[in-house]
C-alpha atoms as a PDB file:
ATOM      1  CA  MET A   1      -0.239   0.211  -0.152  1.00  0.00           C
ATOM      2  CA  ASN A   2       2.967   2.523   0.819  1.00  0.00           C
ATOM      3  CA  SER A   3       4.490   1.836  -2.793  1.00  0.00           C
ATOM      4  CA  ILE A   4       0.572   2.223  -3.724  1.00  0.00           C
ATOM      5  CA  CYS A   5       0.122   5.850  -2.390  1.00  0.00           C
ATOM      6  CA  ARG A   6       3.755   7.229  -3.650  1.00  0.00           C
ATOM      7  CA  GLU A   7       3.179   6.470  -6.691  1.00  0.00           C
ATOM      8  CA  TYR A   8      -0.485   8.565  -6.247  1.00  0.00           C
ATOM      9  CA  SER A   9       1.435  11.484  -4.689  1.00  0.00           C
ATOM     10  CA  ASN A  10       3.857  11.409  -7.756  1.00  0.00           C
ATOM     11  CA  TYR A  11       1.226  11.508 -10.431  1.00  0.00           C
ATOM     12  CA  PHE A  12      -1.064  14.137  -7.902  1.00  0.00           C
ATOM     13  CA  ILE A  13       2.038  16.315  -7.696  1.00  0.00           C
ATOM     14  CA  LYS A  14       2.845  16.777 -11.402  1.00  0.00           C
ATOM     15  CA  GLY A  15      -1.122  17.847 -12.261  1.00  0.00           C
ATOM     16  CA  ASP A  16      -1.772  14.025 -13.635  1.00  0.00           C
ATOM     17  CA  TYR A  17      -5.192  13.529 -12.039  1.00  0.00           C
ATOM     18  CA  ASN A  18      -6.199  10.821 -14.040  1.00  0.00           C
ATOM     19  CA  LYS A  19      -3.261   8.506 -13.703  1.00  0.00           C
ATOM     20  CA  ALA A  20      -3.648   9.359 -10.027  1.00  0.00           C
ATOM     21  CA  SER A  21      -7.203   8.113  -9.681  1.00  0.00           C
ATOM     22  CA  ILE A  22      -6.795   5.199 -11.622  1.00  0.00           C
ATOM     23  CA  VAL A  23      -4.076   4.132  -9.009  1.00  0.00           C
ATOM     24  CA  MET A  24      -6.400   4.314  -6.177  1.00  0.00           C
ATOM     25  CA  THR A  25      -8.884   2.621  -8.361  1.00  0.00           C
ATOM     26  CA  LYS A  26      -6.138   0.099  -8.195  1.00  0.00           C
ATOM     27  CA  ALA A  27      -5.511   0.045  -4.301  1.00  0.00           C
ATOM     28  CA  LEU A  28      -9.456   0.036  -3.798  1.00  0.00           C
ATOM     29  CA  LYS A  29      -9.243  -3.568  -5.124  1.00  0.00           C
ATOM     30  CA  ILE A  30      -6.354  -4.912  -2.515  1.00  0.00           C
ATOM     31  CA  CYS A  31      -7.441  -2.881   0.877  1.00  0.00           C
ATOM     32  CA  GLU A  32      -7.686  -4.967   3.990  1.00  0.00           C
ATOM     33  CA  ASN A  33     -10.150  -3.173   6.074  1.00  0.00           C
ATOM     34  CA  ASN A  34     -12.666  -0.225   6.096  1.00  0.00           C
ATOM     35  CA  TYR A  35      -9.992   2.187   7.285  1.00  0.00           C
ATOM     36  CA  GLU A  36      -7.684   1.669   4.245  1.00  0.00           C
ATOM     37  CA  LYS A  37     -10.567   2.251   1.619  1.00  0.00           C
ATOM     38  CA  SER A  38     -12.125   5.156   3.589  1.00  0.00           C
ATOM     39  CA  TYR A  39      -8.846   6.728   2.484  1.00  0.00           C
ATOM     40  CA  CYS A  40      -8.415   5.607  -0.567  1.00  0.00           C
ATOM     41  CA  TYR A  41     -11.959   6.167  -1.732  1.00  0.00           C
ATOM     42  CA  SER A  42     -10.500  10.116  -0.179  1.00  0.00           C
ATOM     43  CA  GLN A  43      -7.447  10.719  -2.242  1.00  0.00           C
ATOM     44  CA  ARG A  44      -9.506   9.010  -5.510  1.00  0.00           C
ATOM     45  CA  ALA A  45     -12.229  11.611  -4.764  1.00  0.00           C
ATOM     46  CA  THR A  46      -9.938  14.725  -4.489  1.00  0.00           C
ATOM     47  CA  ALA A  47      -8.254  13.461  -7.813  1.00  0.00           C
ATOM     48  CA  GLU A  48     -11.777  13.622  -9.506  1.00  0.00           C
ATOM     49  CA  ALA A  49     -12.642  16.810  -7.724  1.00  0.00           C
ATOM     50  CA  ARG A  50      -9.329  18.316  -9.616  1.00  0.00           C
ATOM     51  CA  ASN A  51     -10.405  17.268 -12.813  1.00  0.00           C
ATOM     52  CA  GLY A  52     -13.327  18.757 -12.223  1.00  0.00           C
ATOM     53  CA  ASN A  53     -15.262  15.587 -11.868  1.00  0.00           C
ATOM     54  CA  TYR A  54     -17.338  16.800  -8.674  1.00  0.00           C
ATOM     55  CA  THR A  55     -20.196  14.096  -8.953  1.00  0.00           C
ATOM     56  CA  LEU A  56     -17.897  11.654  -8.942  1.00  0.00           C
ATOM     57  CA  ALA A  57     -15.911  12.910  -6.251  1.00  0.00           C
ATOM     58  CA  LYS A  58     -19.109  13.421  -4.196  1.00  0.00           C
ATOM     59  CA  LYS A  59     -19.699  10.130  -4.475  1.00  0.00           C
ATOM     60  CA  ASP A  60     -16.397   8.816  -3.812  1.00  0.00           C
ATOM     61  CA  TYR A  61     -16.175  11.152  -0.501  1.00  0.00           C
ATOM     62  CA  THR A  62     -19.373   9.526   0.495  1.00  0.00           C
ATOM     63  CA  ASN A  63     -17.837   6.448   0.200  1.00  0.00           C
ATOM     64  CA  SER A  64     -15.355   7.181   2.121  1.00  0.00           C
ATOM     65  CA  LEU A  65     -17.585   8.688   5.417  1.00  0.00           C
ATOM     66  CA  ALA A  66     -19.646   5.969   5.343  1.00  0.00           C
ATOM     67  CA  MET A  67     -16.359   3.763   6.313  1.00  0.00           C
ATOM     68  CA  ASN A  68     -15.410   6.099   8.734  1.00  0.00           C
ATOM     69  CA  SER A  69     -17.789   8.751  10.153  1.00  0.00           C
ATOM     70  CA  PHE A  70     -15.418  10.239  12.470  1.00  0.00           C
ATOM     71  CA  ASN A  71     -13.147  11.471   9.708  1.00  0.00           C
ATOM     72  CA  TRP A  72     -13.487  15.551  10.013  1.00  0.00           C
ATOM     73  CA  GLN A  73     -11.744  16.010   7.124  1.00  0.00           C
ATOM     74  CA  GLY A  74     -13.927  14.210   4.690  1.00  0.00           C
ATOM     75  CA  TYR A  75     -16.810  16.451   6.210  1.00  0.00           C
ATOM     76  CA  CYS A  76     -14.791  19.571   5.301  1.00  0.00           C
ATOM     77  CA  TYR A  77     -13.672  17.977   1.375  1.00  0.00           C
ATOM     78  CA  ARG A  78     -17.453  16.844   0.920  1.00  0.00           C
ATOM     79  CA  GLY A  79     -18.312  20.689   1.882  1.00  0.00           C
ATOM     80  CA  PHE A  80     -16.037  22.113  -0.455  1.00  0.00           C
ATOM     81  CA  ILE A  81     -17.814  19.959  -3.269  1.00  0.00           C
ATOM     82  CA  TYR A  82     -20.987  20.662  -2.322  1.00  0.00           C
ATOM     83  CA  GLN A  83     -19.867  24.091  -1.931  1.00  0.00           C
ATOM     84  CA  ILE A  84     -18.806  24.370  -5.645  1.00  0.00           C
ATOM     85  CA  LEU A  85     -22.242  22.116  -6.522  1.00  0.00           C
ATOM     86  CA  ARG A  86     -23.901  25.264  -4.991  1.00  0.00           C
ATOM     87  CA  ASP A  87     -25.915  23.381  -2.381  1.00  0.00           C
ATOM     88  CA  TYR A  88     -24.738  25.508   0.159  1.00  0.00           C
ATOM     89  CA  GLU A  89     -27.270  23.791   2.778  1.00  0.00           C
ATOM     90  CA  ARG A  90     -25.634  20.207   2.746  1.00  0.00           C
ATOM     91  CA  ALA A  91     -21.955  21.917   2.951  1.00  0.00           C
ATOM     92  CA  TYR A  92     -22.992  24.297   5.745  1.00  0.00           C
ATOM     93  CA  SER A  93     -23.739  20.436   7.344  1.00  0.00           C
ATOM     94  CA  ASP A  94     -20.953  19.170   6.595  1.00  0.00           C
ATOM     95  CA  PHE A  95     -19.040  21.976   7.912  1.00  0.00           C
ATOM     96  CA  ASN A  96     -21.300  22.020  11.191  1.00  0.00           C
ATOM     97  CA  ASN A  97     -20.377  18.257  11.559  1.00  0.00           C
ATOM     98  CA  ALA A  98     -16.586  18.666  10.747  1.00  0.00           C
ATOM     99  CA  VAL A  99     -16.244  21.460  13.770  1.00  0.00           C
ATOM    100  CA  THR A 100     -18.340  18.814  16.010  1.00  0.00           C
ATOM    101  CA  ILE A 101     -16.732  15.668  15.537  1.00  0.00           C
ATOM    102  CA  SER A 102     -12.895  17.964  16.106  1.00  0.00           C
ATOM    103  CA  ALA A 103     -12.543  21.395  17.797  1.00  0.00           C
ATOM    104  CA  ASN A 104      -9.213  21.356  14.605  1.00  0.00           C
ATOM    105  CA  PRO A 105      -8.247  24.881  13.610  1.00  0.00           C
ATOM    106  CA  LYS A 106      -8.468  23.956  10.297  1.00  0.00           C
ATOM    107  CA  SER A 107     -12.150  22.828  10.696  1.00  0.00           C
ATOM    108  CA  PHE A 108     -13.175  26.536  11.705  1.00  0.00           C
ATOM    109  CA  LEU A 109     -11.111  27.923   9.288  1.00  0.00           C
ATOM    110  CA  TYR A 110     -12.893  26.095   6.402  1.00  0.00           C
ATOM    111  CA  ARG A 111     -15.933  26.787   8.006  1.00  0.00           C
ATOM    112  CA  ALA A 112     -15.349  30.597   8.201  1.00  0.00           C
ATOM    113  CA  LYS A 113     -14.323  30.799   4.637  1.00  0.00           C
ATOM    114  CA  PHE A 114     -17.825  29.173   3.657  1.00  0.00           C
ATOM    115  CA  LEU A 115     -19.595  31.353   5.607  1.00  0.00           C
ATOM    116  CA  LYS A 116     -18.269  34.210   4.400  1.00  0.00           C
ATOM    117  CA  LYS A 117     -18.093  33.845   0.643  1.00  0.00           C
ATOM    118  CA  CYS A 118     -21.261  31.469   0.489  1.00  0.00           C
ATOM    119  CA  LEU A 119     -23.693  32.375   2.678  1.00  0.00           C
ATOM    120  CA  HIS A 120     -22.262  35.860   3.509  1.00  0.00           C
ATOM    121  CA  LYS A 121     -22.408  35.763   7.532  1.00  0.00           C
ATOM    122  CA  ARG A 122     -19.445  37.942   7.905  1.00  0.00           C
ATOM    123  CA  GLU A 123     -19.598  38.284  11.670  1.00  0.00           C
ATOM    124  CA  GLU A 124     -20.153  34.668  12.043  1.00  0.00           C
ATOM    125  CA  SER A 125     -17.096  34.082   9.735  1.00  0.00           C
ATOM    126  CA  PHE A 126     -14.997  36.453  11.942  1.00  0.00           C
ATOM    127  CA  GLN A 127     -15.259  34.781  15.397  1.00  0.00           C
ATOM    128  CA  ASP A 128     -14.948  31.238  13.877  1.00  0.00           C
ATOM    129  CA  LEU A 129     -11.577  32.800  12.325  1.00  0.00           C
ATOM    130  CA  LEU A 130     -10.631  33.807  16.149  1.00  0.00           C
ATOM    131  CA  GLU A 131     -11.961  30.465  17.397  1.00  0.00           C
ATOM    132  CA  ALA A 132      -9.387  29.143  15.229  1.00  0.00           C
ATOM    133  CA  ILE A 133      -6.331  31.231  16.536  1.00  0.00           C
ATOM    134  CA  SER A 134      -7.539  31.340  19.891  1.00  0.00           C
ATOM    135  CA  ILE A 135      -6.914  27.234  19.645  1.00  0.00           C
ATOM    136  CA  LEU A 136      -3.433  27.676  18.336  1.00  0.00           C
ATOM    137  CA  ASN A 137      -2.239  30.515  21.040  1.00  0.00           C
ATOM    138  CA  LYS A 138      -3.079  27.646  23.247  1.00  0.00           C
ATOM    139  CA  LYS A 139      -1.309  25.251  21.737  1.00  0.00           C
ATOM    140  CA  ALA A 140       2.129  28.029  21.662  1.00  0.00           C
ATOM    141  CA  LYS A 141       1.885  28.279  24.898  1.00  0.00           C
ATOM    142  CA  LYS A 142       2.697  24.542  25.792  1.00  0.00           C
ATOM    143  CA  ARG A 143       4.943  23.982  22.936  1.00  0.00           C
ATOM    144  CA  ASP A 144       6.712  25.254  19.997  1.00  0.00           C
ATOM    145  CA  LEU A 145       3.789  25.320  16.840  1.00  0.00           C
ATOM    146  CA  LYS A 146       5.112  23.356  14.413  1.00  0.00           C
ATOM    147  CA  GLU A 147       5.283  24.438  10.685  1.00  0.00           C
ATOM    148  CA  HIS A 148       2.030  23.496   9.785  1.00  0.00           C
ATOM    149  CA  GLU A 149       0.282  25.185  12.083  1.00  0.00           C
ATOM    150  CA  LEU A 150       2.036  28.310  11.760  1.00  0.00           C
ATOM    151  CA  LYS A 151       0.960  28.368   8.165  1.00  0.00           C
ATOM    152  CA  LEU A 152      -2.560  27.565   9.650  1.00  0.00           C
ATOM    153  CA  ARG A 153      -2.292  30.696  12.077  1.00  0.00           C
ATOM    154  CA  GLY A 154      -0.487  32.577   9.762  1.00  0.00           C
ATOM    155  CA  VAL A 155      -3.759  32.256   6.996  1.00  0.00           C
ATOM    156  CA  CYS A 156      -6.566  32.842   9.806  1.00  0.00           C
ATOM    157  CA  TYR A 157      -4.281  36.239  10.282  1.00  0.00           C
ATOM    158  CA  MET A 158      -4.484  36.629   6.949  1.00  0.00           C
ATOM    159  CA  ASN A 159      -8.374  36.278   6.530  1.00  0.00           C
ATOM    160  CA  ILE A 160      -8.708  38.863   9.055  1.00  0.00           C
ATOM    161  CA  LYS A 161      -6.371  41.369   7.242  1.00  0.00           C
ATOM    162  CA  ARG A 162      -4.026  41.422   9.739  1.00  0.00           C
ATOM    163  CA  TYR A 163      -1.285  40.960   7.089  1.00  0.00           C
ATOM    164  CA  LYS A 164       1.499  41.703   9.190  1.00  0.00           C
ATOM    165  CA  LEU A 165       1.031  39.040  11.271  1.00  0.00           C
ATOM    166  CA  ALA A 166       0.286  36.555   8.706  1.00  0.00           C
ATOM    167  CA  ILE A 167       3.633  36.996   7.152  1.00  0.00           C
ATOM    168  CA  ASP A 168       5.667  36.187  10.353  1.00  0.00           C
ATOM    169  CA  ASP A 169       4.157  33.221  10.663  1.00  0.00           C
ATOM    170  CA  LEU A 170       4.153  32.687   7.355  1.00  0.00           C
ATOM    171  CA  THR A 171       7.843  33.243   7.391  1.00  0.00           C
ATOM    172  CA  SER A 172       8.471  31.440  10.315  1.00  0.00           C
ATOM    173  CA  ALA A 173       6.811  28.373   9.102  1.00  0.00           C
ATOM    174  CA  ILE A 174       8.424  28.524   5.738  1.00  0.00           C
ATOM    175  CA  ASP A 175      12.299  28.387   7.556  1.00  0.00           C
ATOM    176  CA  LEU A 176      11.002  25.347   9.743  1.00  0.00           C
ATOM    177  CA  GLY A 177       9.577  23.441   6.489  1.00  0.00           C
ATOM    178  CA  ILE A 178      12.750  24.607   4.425  1.00  0.00           C
ATOM    179  CA  GLU A 179      14.758  22.918   7.760  1.00  0.00           C
ATOM    180  CA  ASN A 180      12.493  20.006   8.254  1.00  0.00           C
ATOM    181  CA  ASN A 181      12.061  19.086   4.347  1.00  0.00           C
ATOM    182  CA  TYR A 182       8.534  19.912   4.770  1.00  0.00           C
ATOM    183  CA  LEU A 183       7.559  22.270   2.428  1.00  0.00           C
ATOM    184  CA  ASN A 184       4.500  23.045  -0.392  1.00  0.00           C
ATOM    185  CA  SER A 185       3.632  25.629  -3.183  1.00  0.00           C
ATOM    186  CA  ASP A 186       0.792  27.041  -0.234  1.00  0.00           C
ATOM    187  CA  TYR A 187       3.114  28.443   1.794  1.00  0.00           C
ATOM    188  CA  TYR A 188       4.303  31.086  -0.778  1.00  0.00           C
ATOM    189  CA  MET A 189       1.237  31.746  -2.171  1.00  0.00           C
ATOM    190  CA  SER A 190       0.026  32.656   1.374  1.00  0.00           C
ATOM    191  CA  ARG A 191       2.964  34.531   1.556  1.00  0.00           C
ATOM    192  CA  SER A 192       2.957  36.277  -1.495  1.00  0.00           C
ATOM    193  CA  TYR A 193      -0.974  37.144  -1.209  1.00  0.00           C
ATOM    194  CA  CYS A 194       0.020  39.166   2.170  1.00  0.00           C
ATOM    195  CA  TYR A 195       2.791  40.914   0.086  1.00  0.00           C
ATOM    196  CA  TYR A 196       0.622  41.653  -2.560  1.00  0.00           C
ATOM    197  CA  LYS A 197      -2.445  43.603  -0.223  1.00  0.00           C
ATOM    198  CA  GLN A 198       0.984  45.665   1.503  1.00  0.00           C
ATOM    199  CA  ASP A 199       1.686  46.606  -1.959  1.00  0.00           C
ATOM    200  CA  GLN A 200       5.255  44.816  -1.728  1.00  0.00           C
ATOM    201  CA  PHE A 201       4.977  43.396  -5.107  1.00  0.00           C
ATOM    202  CA  GLU A 202       9.196  42.580  -5.886  1.00  0.00           C
ATOM    203  CA  LYS A 203       8.279  40.226  -2.720  1.00  0.00           C
ATOM    204  CA  ALA A 204       4.955  38.571  -3.863  1.00  0.00           C
ATOM    205  CA  ASN A 205       6.732  38.218  -6.743  1.00  0.00           C
ATOM    206  CA  ASN A 206      10.075  35.987  -5.969  1.00  0.00           C
ATOM    207  CA  ASP A 207       7.675  33.841  -3.499  1.00  0.00           C
ATOM    208  CA  ILE A 208       5.067  33.397  -6.823  1.00  0.00           C
ATOM    209  CA  LYS A 209       8.658  31.868  -8.439  1.00  0.00           C
ATOM    210  CA  LYS A 210       9.444  29.980  -5.649  1.00  0.00           C
ATOM    211  CA  ALA A 211       5.720  28.451  -5.282  1.00  0.00           C
ATOM    212  CA  LYS A 212       6.027  27.687  -8.879  1.00  0.00           C
ATOM    213  CA  GLU A 213       9.169  25.971  -8.747  1.00  0.00           C
ATOM    214  CA  LEU A 214       7.393  23.410  -6.585  1.00  0.00           C
ATOM    215  CA  ASN A 215       3.969  23.137  -8.336  1.00  0.00           C
ATOM    216  CA  PRO A 216       4.178  24.399 -11.870  1.00  0.00           C
ATOM    217  CA  HIS A 217       0.431  23.408 -12.187  1.00  0.00           C
ATOM    218  CA  ASP A 218      -0.548  26.169  -8.865  1.00  0.00           C
ATOM    219  CA  VAL A 219      -3.355  28.237 -10.491  1.00  0.00           C
ATOM    220  CA  SER A 220      -3.115  30.611  -7.831  1.00  0.00           C
ATOM    221  CA  ALA A 221      -0.055  31.675  -9.012  1.00  0.00           C
ATOM    222  CA  HIS A 222      -1.816  33.068 -12.355  1.00  0.00           C
ATOM    223  CA  ILE A 223      -4.386  34.864  -9.907  1.00  0.00           C
ATOM    224  CA  ILE A 224      -2.085  36.658  -7.661  1.00  0.00           C
ATOM    225  CA  LYS A 225       0.289  37.768 -10.571  1.00  0.00           C
ATOM    226  CA  GLY A 226      -2.547  38.716 -12.495  1.00  0.00           C
ATOM    227  CA  LYS A 227      -4.045  41.223  -9.710  1.00  0.00           C
ATOM    228  CA  ILE A 228      -0.386  42.393  -9.418  1.00  0.00           C
ATOM    229  CA  TYR A 229      -0.450  43.435 -12.844  1.00  0.00           C
ATOM    230  CA  TYR A 230      -3.680  44.992 -12.734  1.00  0.00           C
ATOM    231  CA  LYS A 231      -2.334  47.192  -9.519  1.00  0.00           C
ATOM    232  CA  GLN A 232       0.618  48.108 -11.604  1.00  0.00           C
ATOM    233  CA  LYS A 233      -1.814  49.121 -14.637  1.00  0.00           C
ATOM    234  CA  GLN A 234      -0.196  46.938 -16.828  1.00  0.00           C
ATOM    235  CA  TYR A 235      -3.132  45.921 -17.937  1.00  0.00           C
ATOM    236  CA  ILE A 236      -2.456  43.648 -20.829  1.00  0.00           C
ATOM    237  CA  ASP A 237       0.113  41.126 -18.937  1.00  0.00           C
ATOM    238  CA  SER A 238      -2.925  41.134 -16.411  1.00  0.00           C
ATOM    239  CA  ILE A 239      -5.060  39.773 -19.135  1.00  0.00           C
ATOM    240  CA  ILE A 240      -2.948  36.847 -19.742  1.00  0.00           C
ATOM    241  CA  GLU A 241      -2.252  35.948 -16.282  1.00  0.00           C
ATOM    242  CA  PHE A 242      -6.169  34.979 -15.906  1.00  0.00           C
ATOM    243  CA  ILE A 243      -6.245  33.578 -19.749  1.00  0.00           C
ATOM    244  CA  GLN A 244      -3.449  30.724 -18.087  1.00  0.00           C
ATOM    245  CA  ALA A 245      -5.500  30.155 -14.683  1.00  0.00           C
ATOM    246  CA  ILE A 246      -8.485  29.924 -16.845  1.00  0.00           C
ATOM    247  CA  LYS A 247      -7.240  27.545 -18.973  1.00  0.00           C
ATOM    248  CA  SER A 248      -5.770  25.536 -15.981  1.00  0.00           C
ATOM    249  CA  ASN A 249      -9.209  26.293 -14.040  1.00  0.00           C
ATOM    250  CA  PRO A 250     -11.910  27.166 -16.554  1.00  0.00           C
ATOM    251  CA  ASN A 251     -14.562  26.796 -13.321  1.00  0.00           C
ATOM    252  CA  GLN A 252     -12.752  29.465 -10.912  1.00  0.00           C
ATOM    253  CA  HIS A 253     -15.689  32.121 -11.108  1.00  0.00           C
ATOM    254  CA  THR A 254     -12.935  34.678  -9.909  1.00  0.00           C
ATOM    255  CA  SER A 255     -10.689  34.449 -12.877  1.00  0.00           C
ATOM    256  CA  TYR A 256     -13.182  35.663 -15.320  1.00  0.00           C
ATOM    257  CA  TYR A 257     -14.118  38.318 -12.534  1.00  0.00           C
ATOM    258  CA  TYR A 258     -10.419  39.702 -12.339  1.00  0.00           C
ATOM    259  CA  ARG A 259      -9.457  39.612 -15.740  1.00  0.00           C
ATOM    260  CA  SER A 260     -12.906  41.626 -16.564  1.00  0.00           C
ATOM    261  CA  LYS A 261     -11.887  44.322 -14.523  1.00  0.00           C
ATOM    262  CA  SER A 262      -8.782  44.630 -17.219  1.00  0.00           C
ATOM    263  CA  TYR A 263     -10.709  44.926 -20.247  1.00  0.00           C
ATOM    264  CA  LEU A 264     -12.653  47.323 -18.337  1.00  0.00           C
ATOM    265  CA  ALA A 265     -10.037  49.311 -17.576  1.00  0.00           C
ATOM    266  CA  LEU A 266      -8.561  49.022 -21.360  1.00  0.00           C
ATOM    267  CA  ASN A 267     -12.997  50.076 -22.361  1.00  0.00           C
ATOM    268  CA  TYR A 268     -13.154  46.881 -23.465  1.00  0.00           C
ATOM    269  CA  LEU A 269     -17.099  46.856 -22.353  1.00  0.00           C
ATOM    270  CA  VAL A 270     -17.939  43.871 -24.229  1.00  0.00           C
ATOM    271  CA  LEU A 271     -15.343  41.718 -23.179  1.00  0.00           C
ATOM    272  CA  SER A 272     -15.727  42.493 -19.685  1.00  0.00           C
ATOM    273  CA  LYS A 273     -19.145  42.050 -19.803  1.00  0.00           C
ATOM    274  CA  GLN A 274     -19.096  38.017 -21.233  1.00  0.00           C
ATOM    275  CA  ASP A 275     -16.725  37.660 -18.196  1.00  0.00           C
ATOM    276  CA  LEU A 276     -18.891  38.960 -15.438  1.00  0.00           C
ATOM    277  CA  GLU A 277     -21.419  36.854 -17.100  1.00  0.00           C
ATOM    278  CA  LYS A 278     -19.728  34.095 -17.288  1.00  0.00           C
ATOM    279  CA  SER A 279     -18.097  34.472 -13.002  1.00  0.00           C
ATOM    280  CA  LEU A 280     -21.880  34.950 -12.224  1.00  0.00           C
ATOM    281  CA  SER A 281     -23.083  31.751 -14.198  1.00  0.00           C
ATOM    282  CA  LEU A 282     -20.295  29.867 -11.923  1.00  0.00           C
ATOM    283  CA  ASN A 283     -21.163  31.909  -8.658  1.00  0.00           C
ATOM    284  CA  PRO A 284     -24.980  33.541  -9.353  1.00  0.00           C
ATOM    285  CA  HIS A 285     -23.933  34.494  -5.513  1.00  0.00           C
ATOM    286  CA  TYR A 286     -20.582  36.486  -6.349  1.00  0.00           C
ATOM    287  CA  TYR A 287     -22.010  40.189  -5.136  1.00  0.00           C
ATOM    288  CA  LYS A 288     -18.395  42.144  -6.759  1.00  0.00           C
ATOM    289  CA  ALA A 289     -19.402  40.492 -10.062  1.00  0.00           C
ATOM    290  CA  GLU A 290     -23.038  41.310 -10.166  1.00  0.00           C
ATOM    291  CA  TYR A 291     -22.345  45.056  -9.154  1.00  0.00           C
ATOM    292  CA  LEU A 292     -19.522  45.525 -11.683  1.00  0.00           C
ATOM    293  CA  LEU A 293     -21.632  44.144 -14.284  1.00  0.00           C
ATOM    294  CA  ASN A 294     -24.258  46.942 -12.967  1.00  0.00           C
ATOM    295  CA  THR A 295     -21.741  49.362 -13.907  1.00  0.00           C
ATOM    296  CA  CYS A 296     -20.737  47.823 -16.620  1.00  0.00           C
ATOM    297  CA  ASN A 297     -23.987  47.556 -18.018  1.00  0.00           C
ATOM    298  CA  ARG A 298     -24.785  51.407 -17.296  1.00  0.00           C
ATOM    299  CA  LEU A 299     -21.230  52.508 -19.173  1.00  0.00           C
ATOM    300  CA  TYR A 300     -22.139  50.058 -22.088  1.00  0.00           C
ATOM    301  CA  GLN A 301     -25.778  52.181 -22.464  1.00  0.00           C
ATOM    302  CA  LYS A 302     -23.926  55.403 -22.428  1.00  0.00           C
ATOM    303  CA  SER A 303     -21.604  54.422 -25.227  1.00  0.00           C
END
């Protein structure tokens, strides 16, 4: 089983999710107990989700949870799928189950993001983020936080817009990750976003380069780089980055929204309208796109 898991990881890291899914299908045939089956279903679901096969992913996560109903992470991951499928009632139920099963700071973070993004419950989201930070601060009083815990607290700070604190935690996480040979592109991308929000574009770009070295398929690298170009009023370069992001993941509604802003800055009203309509078709509750589309329509009528 260990060799199969390594094979899966190699394909997954390379972005070959089809082969990663096939490996887990083979693994399911040799599983010796429900724990192993639960793990394999969950891993195959993750690969299918990356391929955009959300219905298959939902089915596999459900099978995984049927064999291990105390897996709080499984509820979170299925919650993400329900979120993508816009079944917010079931998504909310899954995130609540995850928090109930395990008062893990990560489960609070995931629910916080969902509450803000999908249900627009900003105050409840804020409370969940504070709860996650509180749990991690209590751990920090007893022992040094591990790299993934520092990264998690940094992301929580990032989500409440405390970017300096976020950068401090993420830098410590990266330093520990390098020391312990435990690091992935998310660490650099999270810090890059914080640098971007503070207009430290050179540092943000340096982190993007490092993230790409670890994972050339990271879509968020194109999104943040596109945002940086937009802030620098390099609208053509911004559009090119979002084109790459959309090619990598055509179901990411925010990519269309941010590309539309660059089109609008260049006065390409029709292209901007098309991107905003596409963004809203993928997420009808995305109020930023709805607001900008109204603005775009007014400008179009005057032209």
